[in-house]
Each structure stands twice: as structure tokens, then as C-alpha cells.
Amino acid sequence: MATPEISQKSPIRMELEPGTYWWCACGKSQTQPFCDGSHKGTEFVPQEVVITEKKMYSLCACKHGQTGWKCDGTHKSL
């Protein structure tokens, strides 16, 4: 299994509007934390994120967390 690239060792905090987003799982996207298609040709696929409430979210940027797009603090141990 391939290892994702670490885009940064802290979460990306942002306010999101309700809607569907595609979270980058490979770490290569230039539009972090969202997918720009850079995973093509790899085994990585973006994760669909459905937001139903406008609020601040902490999105994983280290790409090594166990909860996908939601930051779980894994970056602290990298």
C-alpha cells in the first residue's frame, strides 16, 4: 500500500458551506485540502465529504489520520 504525502503537519481549519466536497487523500493536490486530480495514476481516491451545516471544520492535512478527512490529531505523532 502506498503512503500518502504529508501536505502539512497541522489541520486546515475552514468554514464550509453545506454541499459536497472531495477531500484529497494522496497529499499531492495543489488545492489542499481538496482534490485537484493529482492522484490519477496512483491507488489513492478522494473521499467524498457531505457537509450539512455551515460551521468551522478541522480537515486532516497530514493524510495519515484514521478518520479520513476529519483531523484526529495523528499529525502530532509524525
PDB file of N, CA and C in Angstrom:
ATOM      1  N   MET A   1       0.838  -1.189   0.000  1.00  0.00           N
ATOM      2  CA  MET A   1       0.000   0.000   0.000  1.00  0.00           C
ATOM      3  C   MET A   1       0.880   1.248   0.000  1.00  0.00           C
ATOM      4  N   ALA A   2       0.541   2.196  -0.826  1.00  0.00           N
ATOM      5  CA  ALA A   2       1.297   3.445  -0.936  1.00  0.00           C
ATOM      6  C   ALA A   2       1.072   4.322   0.283  1.00  0.00           C
ATOM      7  N   THR A   3       2.040   5.171   0.554  1.00  0.00           N
ATOM      8  CA  THR A   3       1.953   6.111   1.670  1.00  0.00           C
ATOM      9  C   THR A   3       1.630   7.491   1.118  1.00  0.00           C
ATOM     10  N   PRO A   4       0.612   8.155   1.681  1.00  0.00           N
ATOM     11  CA  PRO A   4       0.281   9.492   1.185  1.00  0.00           C
ATOM     12  C   PRO A   4       1.339  10.517   1.584  1.00  0.00           C
ATOM     13  N   GLU A   5       1.457  11.556   0.798  1.00  0.00           N
ATOM     14  CA  GLU A   5       2.361  12.658   1.124  1.00  0.00           C
ATOM     15  C   GLU A   5       1.731  13.514   2.220  1.00  0.00           C
ATOM     16  N   ILE A   6       2.558  14.058   3.092  1.00  0.00           N
ATOM     17  CA  ILE A   6       2.085  14.958   4.144  1.00  0.00           C
ATOM     18  C   ILE A   6       2.069  16.363   3.557  1.00  0.00           C
ATOM     19  N   SER A   7       0.885  16.956   3.451  1.00  0.00           N
ATOM     20  CA  SER A   7       0.838  18.316   2.896  1.00  0.00           C
ATOM     21  C   SER A   7       1.188  19.343   3.964  1.00  0.00           C
ATOM     22  N   GLN A   8       0.828  19.074   5.223  1.00  0.00           N
ATOM     23  CA  GLN A   8       1.269  19.887   6.358  1.00  0.00           C
ATOM     24  C   GLN A   8       0.974  19.118   7.634  1.00  0.00           C
ATOM     25  N   LYS A   9       1.710  19.448   8.709  1.00  0.00           N
ATOM     26  CA  LYS A   9       1.563  18.736   9.976  1.00  0.00           C
ATOM     27  C   LYS A   9       0.663  19.486  10.952  1.00  0.00           C
ATOM     28  N   SER A  10      -0.405  20.016  10.447  1.00  0.00           N
ATOM     29  CA  SER A  10      -1.445  20.638  11.271  1.00  0.00           C
ATOM     30  C   SER A  10      -2.725  20.619  10.453  1.00  0.00           C
ATOM     31  N   PRO A  11      -3.868  20.651  11.131  1.00  0.00           N
ATOM     32  CA  PRO A  11      -5.119  20.614  10.373  1.00  0.00           C
ATOM     33  C   PRO A  11      -5.363  21.914   9.623  1.00  0.00           C
ATOM     34  N   ILE A  12      -6.196  21.833   8.620  1.00  0.00           N
ATOM     35  CA  ILE A  12      -6.629  23.018   7.890  1.00  0.00           C
ATOM     36  C   ILE A  12      -8.000  23.379   8.441  1.00  0.00           C
ATOM     37  N   ARG A  13      -8.074  24.526   9.114  1.00  0.00           N
ATOM     38  CA  ARG A  13      -9.332  24.979   9.708  1.00  0.00           C
ATOM     39  C   ARG A  13     -10.023  25.892   8.708  1.00  0.00           C
ATOM     40  N   MET A  14     -11.268  25.570   8.415  1.00  0.00           N
ATOM     41  CA  MET A  14     -12.008  26.415   7.489  1.00  0.00           C
ATOM     42  C   MET A  14     -13.506  26.282   7.712  1.00  0.00           C
ATOM     43  N   GLU A  15     -14.203  27.357   7.406  1.00  0.00           N
ATOM     44  CA  GLU A  15     -15.648  27.327   7.466  1.00  0.00           C
ATOM     45  C   GLU A  15     -16.161  26.807   6.132  1.00  0.00           C
ATOM     46  N   LEU A  16     -17.000  25.781   6.202  1.00  0.00           N
ATOM     47  CA  LEU A  16     -17.549  25.190   4.989  1.00  0.00           C
ATOM     48  C   LEU A  16     -19.050  25.410   4.931  1.00  0.00           C
ATOM     49  N   GLU A  17     -19.512  25.696   3.742  1.00  0.00           N
ATOM     50  CA  GLU A  17     -20.941  25.827   3.460  1.00  0.00           C
ATOM     51  C   GLU A  17     -21.505  24.425   3.206  1.00  0.00           C
ATOM     52  N   PRO A  18     -22.790  24.222   3.425  1.00  0.00           N
ATOM     53  CA  PRO A  18     -23.380  22.929   3.073  1.00  0.00           C
ATOM     54  C   PRO A  18     -23.128  22.592   1.602  1.00  0.00           C
ATOM     55  N   GLY A  19     -22.818  21.349   1.355  1.00  0.00           N
ATOM     56  CA  GLY A  19     -22.540  20.903  -0.006  1.00  0.00           C
ATOM     57  C   GLY A  19     -21.660  19.675   0.008  1.00  0.00           C
ATOM     58  N   THR A  20     -21.232  19.253  -1.167  1.00  0.00           N
ATOM     59  CA  THR A  20     -20.369  18.088  -1.323  1.00  0.00           C
ATOM     60  C   THR A  20     -18.984  18.548  -1.741  1.00  0.00           C
ATOM     61  N   TYR A  21     -17.987  18.023  -1.058  1.00  0.00           N
ATOM     62  CA  TYR A  21     -16.582  18.350  -1.309  1.00  0.00           C
ATOM     63  C   TYR A  21     -15.834  17.042  -1.513  1.00  0.00           C
ATOM     64  N   TRP A  22     -14.677  17.121  -2.136  1.00  0.00           N
ATOM     65  CA  TRP A  22     -13.831  15.947  -2.344  1.00  0.00           C
ATOM     66  C   TRP A  22     -12.478  16.205  -1.684  1.00  0.00           C
ATOM     67  N   TRP A  23     -12.233  15.489  -0.569  1.00  0.00           N
ATOM     68  CA  TRP A  23     -11.012  15.639   0.219  1.00  0.00           C
ATOM     69  C   TRP A  23      -9.868  14.854  -0.418  1.00  0.00           C
ATOM     70  N   CYS A  24      -8.733  15.496  -0.556  1.00  0.00           N
ATOM     71  CA  CYS A  24      -7.536  14.870  -1.126  1.00  0.00           C
ATOM     72  C   CYS A  24      -6.983  13.839  -0.145  1.00  0.00           C
ATOM     73  N   ALA A  25      -6.826  12.604  -0.590  1.00  0.00           N
ATOM     74  CA  ALA A  25      -6.278  11.539   0.241  1.00  0.00           C
ATOM     75  C   ALA A  25      -4.803  11.263  -0.049  1.00  0.00           C
ATOM     76  N   CYS A  26      -4.300  11.724  -1.196  1.00  0.00           N
ATOM     77  CA  CYS A  26      -2.924  11.407  -1.597  1.00  0.00           C
ATOM     78  C   CYS A  26      -1.897  12.412  -1.065  1.00  0.00           C
ATOM     79  N   GLY A  27      -2.339  13.632  -0.796  1.00  0.00           N
ATOM     80  CA  GLY A  27      -1.436  14.671  -0.320  1.00  0.00           C
ATOM     81  C   GLY A  27      -0.751  15.454  -1.426  1.00  0.00           C
ATOM     82  N   LYS A  28      -1.021  15.132  -2.684  1.00  0.00           N
ATOM     83  CA  LYS A  28      -0.343  15.789  -3.806  1.00  0.00           C
ATOM     84  C   LYS A  28      -1.090  17.006  -4.359  1.00  0.00           C
ATOM     85  N   SER A  29      -2.342  17.164  -4.002  1.00  0.00           N
ATOM     86  CA  SER A  29      -3.166  18.236  -4.560  1.00  0.00           C
ATOM     87  C   SER A  29      -2.589  19.621  -4.261  1.00  0.00           C
ATOM     88  N   GLN A  30      -2.659  20.489  -5.232  1.00  0.00           N
ATOM     89  CA  GLN A  30      -2.235  21.878  -5.053  1.00  0.00           C
ATOM     90  C   GLN A  30      -3.353  22.729  -4.462  1.00  0.00           C
ATOM     91  N   THR A  31      -4.529  22.136  -4.303  1.00  0.00           N
ATOM     92  CA  THR A  31      -5.685  22.855  -3.757  1.00  0.00           C
ATOM     93  C   THR A  31      -6.096  22.256  -2.408  1.00  0.00           C
ATOM     94  N   GLN A  32      -5.117  21.940  -1.567  1.00  0.00           N
ATOM     95  CA  GLN A  32      -5.366  21.331  -0.258  1.00  0.00           C
ATOM     96  C   GLN A  32      -6.391  22.128   0.534  1.00  0.00           C
ATOM     97  N   PRO A  33      -7.271  21.453   1.224  1.00  0.00           N
ATOM     98  CA  PRO A  33      -7.340  20.024   1.478  1.00  0.00           C
ATOM     99  C   PRO A  33      -8.179  19.264   0.459  1.00  0.00           C
ATOM    100  N   PHE A  34      -8.528  19.927  -0.627  1.00  0.00           N
ATOM    101  CA  PHE A  34      -9.431  19.318  -1.604  1.00  0.00           C
ATOM    102  C   PHE A  34      -8.681  18.767  -2.812  1.00  0.00           C
ATOM    103  N   CYS A  35      -9.304  17.815  -3.471  1.00  0.00           N
ATOM    104  CA  CYS A  35      -8.711  17.109  -4.607  1.00  0.00           C
ATOM    105  C   CYS A  35      -8.653  17.991  -5.855  1.00  0.00           C
ATOM    106  N   ASP A  36      -7.533  17.887  -6.563  1.00  0.00           N
ATOM    107  CA  ASP A  36      -7.411  18.545  -7.873  1.00  0.00           C
ATOM    108  C   ASP A  36      -7.098  17.530  -8.974  1.00  0.00           C
ATOM    109  N   GLY A  37      -7.212  16.235  -8.638  1.00  0.00           N
ATOM    110  CA  GLY A  37      -6.952  15.182  -9.620  1.00  0.00           C
ATOM    111  C   GLY A  37      -5.521  14.676  -9.632  1.00  0.00           C
ATOM    112  N   SER A  38      -4.669  15.182  -8.751  1.00  0.00           N
ATOM    113  CA  SER A  38      -3.260  14.770  -8.729  1.00  0.00           C
ATOM    114  C   SER A  38      -3.061  13.301  -8.392  1.00  0.00           C
ATOM    115  N   HIS A  39      -4.071  12.648  -7.863  1.00  0.00           N
ATOM    116  CA  HIS A  39      -3.972  11.228  -7.504  1.00  0.00           C
ATOM    117  C   HIS A  39      -4.022  10.305  -8.721  1.00  0.00           C
ATOM    118  N   LYS A  40      -4.383  10.826  -9.868  1.00  0.00           N
ATOM    119  CA  LYS A  40      -4.536   9.973 -11.055  1.00  0.00           C
ATOM    120  C   LYS A  40      -3.250   9.199 -11.322  1.00  0.00           C
ATOM    121  N   GLY A  41      -3.403   7.910 -11.559  1.00  0.00           N
ATOM    122  CA  GLY A  41      -2.250   7.046 -11.779  1.00  0.00           C
ATOM    123  C   GLY A  41      -1.718   6.432 -10.495  1.00  0.00           C
ATOM    124  N   THR A  42      -2.371   6.709  -9.358  1.00  0.00           N
ATOM    125  CA  THR A  42      -1.985   6.124  -8.072  1.00  0.00           C
ATOM    126  C   THR A  42      -3.148   5.289  -7.563  1.00  0.00           C
ATOM    127  N   GLU A  43      -2.952   4.639  -6.431  1.00  0.00           N
ATOM    128  CA  GLU A  43      -4.038   3.858  -5.833  1.00  0.00           C
ATOM    129  C   GLU A  43      -4.951   4.706  -4.950  1.00  0.00           C
ATOM    130  N   PHE A  44      -4.657   5.983  -4.813  1.00  0.00           N
ATOM    131  CA  PHE A  44      -5.459   6.855  -3.966  1.00  0.00           C
ATOM    132  C   PHE A  44      -6.714   7.341  -4.685  1.00  0.00           C
ATOM    133  N   VAL A  45      -7.764   7.537  -3.908  1.00  0.00           N
ATOM    134  CA  VAL A  45      -9.002   8.129  -4.421  1.00  0.00           C
ATOM    135  C   VAL A  45      -9.454   9.178  -3.410  1.00  0.00           C
ATOM    136  N   PRO A  46     -10.027  10.276  -3.885  1.00  0.00           N
ATOM    137  CA  PRO A  46     -10.501  11.296  -2.953  1.00  0.00           C
ATOM    138  C   PRO A  46     -11.702  10.779  -2.155  1.00  0.00           C
ATOM    139  N   GLN A  47     -11.893  11.370  -0.988  1.00  0.00           N
ATOM    140  CA  GLN A  47     -13.014  10.988  -0.137  1.00  0.00           C
ATOM    141  C   GLN A  47     -14.125  12.019  -0.254  1.00  0.00           C
ATOM    142  N   GLU A  48     -15.334  11.538  -0.511  1.00  0.00           N
ATOM    143  CA  GLU A  48     -16.488  12.429  -0.577  1.00  0.00           C
ATOM    144  C   GLU A  48     -16.829  12.933   0.825  1.00  0.00           C
ATOM    145  N   VAL A  49     -17.008  14.240   0.941  1.00  0.00           N
ATOM    146  CA  VAL A  49     -17.364  14.872   2.210  1.00  0.00           C
ATOM    147  C   VAL A  49     -18.672  15.621   1.985  1.00  0.00           C
ATOM    148  N   VAL A  50     -19.711  15.230   2.715  1.00  0.00           N
ATOM    149  CA  VAL A  50     -21.004  15.893   2.598  1.00  0.00           C
ATOM    150  C   VAL A  50     -21.210  16.736   3.852  1.00  0.00           C
ATOM    151  N   ILE A  51     -21.276  18.028   3.671  1.00  0.00           N
ATOM    152  CA  ILE A  51     -21.459  18.977   4.770  1.00  0.00           C
ATOM    153  C   ILE A  51     -22.926  19.410   4.782  1.00  0.00           C
ATOM    154  N   THR A  52     -23.543  19.303   5.944  1.00  0.00           N
ATOM    155  CA  THR A  52     -24.957  19.671   6.066  1.00  0.00           C
ATOM    156  C   THR A  52     -25.160  20.932   6.894  1.00  0.00           C
ATOM    157  N   GLU A  53     -24.103  21.373   7.584  1.00  0.00           N
ATOM    158  CA  GLU A  53     -24.220  22.532   8.464  1.00  0.00           C
ATOM    159  C   GLU A  53     -23.038  23.479   8.246  1.00  0.00           C
ATOM    160  N   LYS A  54     -23.310  24.761   8.036  1.00  0.00           N
ATOM    161  CA  LYS A  54     -22.246  25.743   7.882  1.00  0.00           C
ATOM    162  C   LYS A  54     -21.594  25.962   9.241  1.00  0.00           C
ATOM    163  N   LYS A  55     -20.302  25.644   9.329  1.00  0.00           N
ATOM    164  CA  LYS A  55     -19.533  25.869  10.555  1.00  0.00           C
ATOM    165  C   LYS A  55     -18.049  25.652  10.265  1.00  0.00           C
ATOM    166  N   MET A  56     -17.222  25.855  11.281  1.00  0.00           N
ATOM    167  CA  MET A  56     -15.789  25.622  11.167  1.00  0.00           C
ATOM    168  C   MET A  56     -15.492  24.130  11.292  1.00  0.00           C
ATOM    169  N   TYR A  57     -14.599  23.649  10.455  1.00  0.00           N
ATOM    170  CA  TYR A  57     -14.183  22.252  10.475  1.00  0.00           C
ATOM    171  C   TYR A  57     -12.663  22.191  10.508  1.00  0.00           C
ATOM    172  N   SER A  58     -12.121  21.128  11.093  1.00  0.00           N
ATOM    173  CA  SER A  58     -10.685  20.848  11.075  1.00  0.00           C
ATOM    174  C   SER A  58     -10.471  19.680  10.133  1.00  0.00           C
ATOM    175  N   LEU A  59      -9.908  19.981   8.978  1.00  0.00           N
ATOM    176  CA  LEU A  59      -9.690  18.958   7.956  1.00  0.00           C
ATOM    177  C   LEU A  59      -8.259  18.447   8.030  1.00  0.00           C
ATOM    178  N   CYS A  60      -8.115  17.135   7.932  1.00  0.00           N
ATOM    179  CA  CYS A  60      -6.805  16.498   8.012  1.00  0.00           C
ATOM    180  C   CYS A  60      -5.927  16.938   6.833  1.00  0.00           C
ATOM    181  N   ALA A  61      -4.707  17.364   7.149  1.00  0.00           N
ATOM    182  CA  ALA A  61      -3.752  17.732   6.108  1.00  0.00           C
ATOM    183  C   ALA A  61      -2.543  16.808   6.105  1.00  0.00           C
ATOM    184  N   CYS A  62      -2.388  16.002   7.168  1.00  0.00           N
ATOM    185  CA  CYS A  62      -1.240  15.088   7.201  1.00  0.00           C
ATOM    186  C   CYS A  62      -1.515  13.818   6.390  1.00  0.00           C
ATOM    187  N   LYS A  63      -2.792  13.530   6.145  1.00  0.00           N
ATOM    188  CA  LYS A  63      -3.224  12.387   5.324  1.00  0.00           C
ATOM    189  C   LYS A  63      -2.935  11.033   5.962  1.00  0.00           C
ATOM    190  N   HIS A  64      -2.585  11.011   7.237  1.00  0.00           N
ATOM    191  CA  HIS A  64      -2.267   9.767   7.923  1.00  0.00           C
ATOM    192  C   HIS A  64      -3.261   9.429   9.033  1.00  0.00           C
ATOM    193  N   GLY A  65      -4.274  10.250   9.238  1.00  0.00           N
ATOM    194  CA  GLY A  65      -5.255  10.019  10.292  1.00  0.00           C
ATOM    195  C   GLY A  65      -6.118   8.797  10.024  1.00  0.00           C
ATOM    196  N   GLN A  66      -6.779   8.330  11.061  1.00  0.00           N
ATOM    197  CA  GLN A  66      -7.635   7.149  10.967  1.00  0.00           C
ATOM    198  C   GLN A  66      -9.090   7.504  10.672  1.00  0.00           C
ATOM    199  N   THR A  67      -9.400   8.805  10.629  1.00  0.00           N
ATOM    200  CA  THR A  67     -10.783   9.225  10.434  1.00  0.00           C
ATOM    201  C   THR A  67     -10.995   9.928   9.100  1.00  0.00           C
ATOM    202  N   GLY A  68     -10.116   9.680   8.137  1.00  0.00           N
ATOM    203  CA  GLY A  68     -10.277  10.303   6.821  1.00  0.00           C
ATOM    204  C   GLY A  68     -10.115  11.804   6.878  1.00  0.00           C
ATOM    205  N   TRP A  69     -11.097  12.514   6.391  1.00  0.00           N
ATOM    206  CA  TRP A  69     -10.990  13.966   6.242  1.00  0.00           C
ATOM    207  C   TRP A  69     -11.018  14.731   7.558  1.00  0.00           C
ATOM    208  N   LYS A  70     -11.555  14.141   8.612  1.00  0.00           N
ATOM    209  CA  LYS A  70     -11.635  14.827   9.908  1.00  0.00           C
ATOM    210  C   LYS A  70     -10.327  14.658  10.658  1.00  0.00           C
ATOM    211  N   CYS A  71      -9.732  15.748  11.083  1.00  0.00           N
ATOM    212  CA  CYS A  71      -8.478  15.681  11.832  1.00  0.00           C
ATOM    213  C   CYS A  71      -8.702  14.923  13.145  1.00  0.00           C
ATOM    214  N   ASP A  72      -7.828  13.947  13.415  1.00  0.00           N
ATOM    215  CA  ASP A  72      -7.912  13.194  14.662  1.00  0.00           C
ATOM    216  C   ASP A  72      -6.646  13.351  15.513  1.00  0.00           C
ATOM    217  N   GLY A  73      -5.781  14.301  15.135  1.00  0.00           N
ATOM    218  CA  GLY A  73      -4.581  14.568  15.928  1.00  0.00           C
ATOM    219  C   GLY A  73      -3.376  13.725  15.562  1.00  0.00           C
ATOM    220  N   THR A  74      -3.492  12.852  14.574  1.00  0.00           N
ATOM    221  CA  THR A  74      -2.370  11.992  14.179  1.00  0.00           C
ATOM    222  C   THR A  74      -1.139  12.804  13.811  1.00  0.00           C
ATOM    223  N   HIS A  75      -1.323  14.010  13.262  1.00  0.00           N
ATOM    224  CA  HIS A  75      -0.184  14.843  12.833  1.00  0.00           C
ATOM    225  C   HIS A  75       0.800  15.113  13.983  1.00  0.00           C
ATOM    226  N   LYS A  76       0.328  15.050  15.224  1.00  0.00           N
ATOM    227  CA  LYS A  76       1.189  15.325  16.383  1.00  0.00           C
ATOM    228  C   LYS A  76       2.263  14.250  16.561  1.00  0.00           C
ATOM    229  N   SER A  77       2.038  13.065  16.003  1.00  0.00           N
ATOM    230  CA  SER A  77       2.995  11.972  16.162  1.00  0.00           C
ATOM    231  C   SER A  77       3.862  11.746  14.930  1.00  0.00           C
ATOM    232  N   LEU A  78       3.730  12.581  13.925  1.00  0.00           N
ATOM    233  CA  LEU A  78       4.522  12.403  12.702  1.00  0.00           C
ATOM    234  C   LEU A  78       5.848  13.116  12.779  1.00  0.00           C
TER     235      LEU A  78
END
